[in-house]
Amino acid sequence: RRRRSDDDDDDDEHDRSKRSRKYDETKDDENKIQDGANNKVYVGNIPYSMTTDDLYDTFGQEGRIIDAIVKTDVPTGRSRGFGIITFQEAAAAEHAIENWHNKLIGGRPIVVRYDRD
């Protein structure tokens, strides 16, 4: 049997940062998305060092986030420089676009717009 090392913990942290971050799906009423609303935003030109947790923490002030993820290249695990955020309410997505589009993060002007799926 293999023993876990400190390096394993680092790998776990790295793996978690690549995964989508969601609210507890067992709390359906709290996580319910408004029907027919455009709640999903694309966040582009983000620094390659930005993680899903960073994205979540940065945009969480705009409203309740149901899902957030920084997209990564599968073979390398490196960020592709963009992420997707799903807010519970359309108003939060609209505020995120108004407040963050063309703002600098890590010296880069980010693009924030409604996601085109």
Foldseek 3Di string as FASTA:
>chain_A
DDDDDVVNVVVVVLVVQQDKDFDPVVPCVVQAADPPAQQKKKKFQADQPDTQVNVCVVLVVLAAWGIKHFHADVVPSTGPGMMMTGHRYNNSLVVCQVPQQQDDDPRTGMHMDGDPD
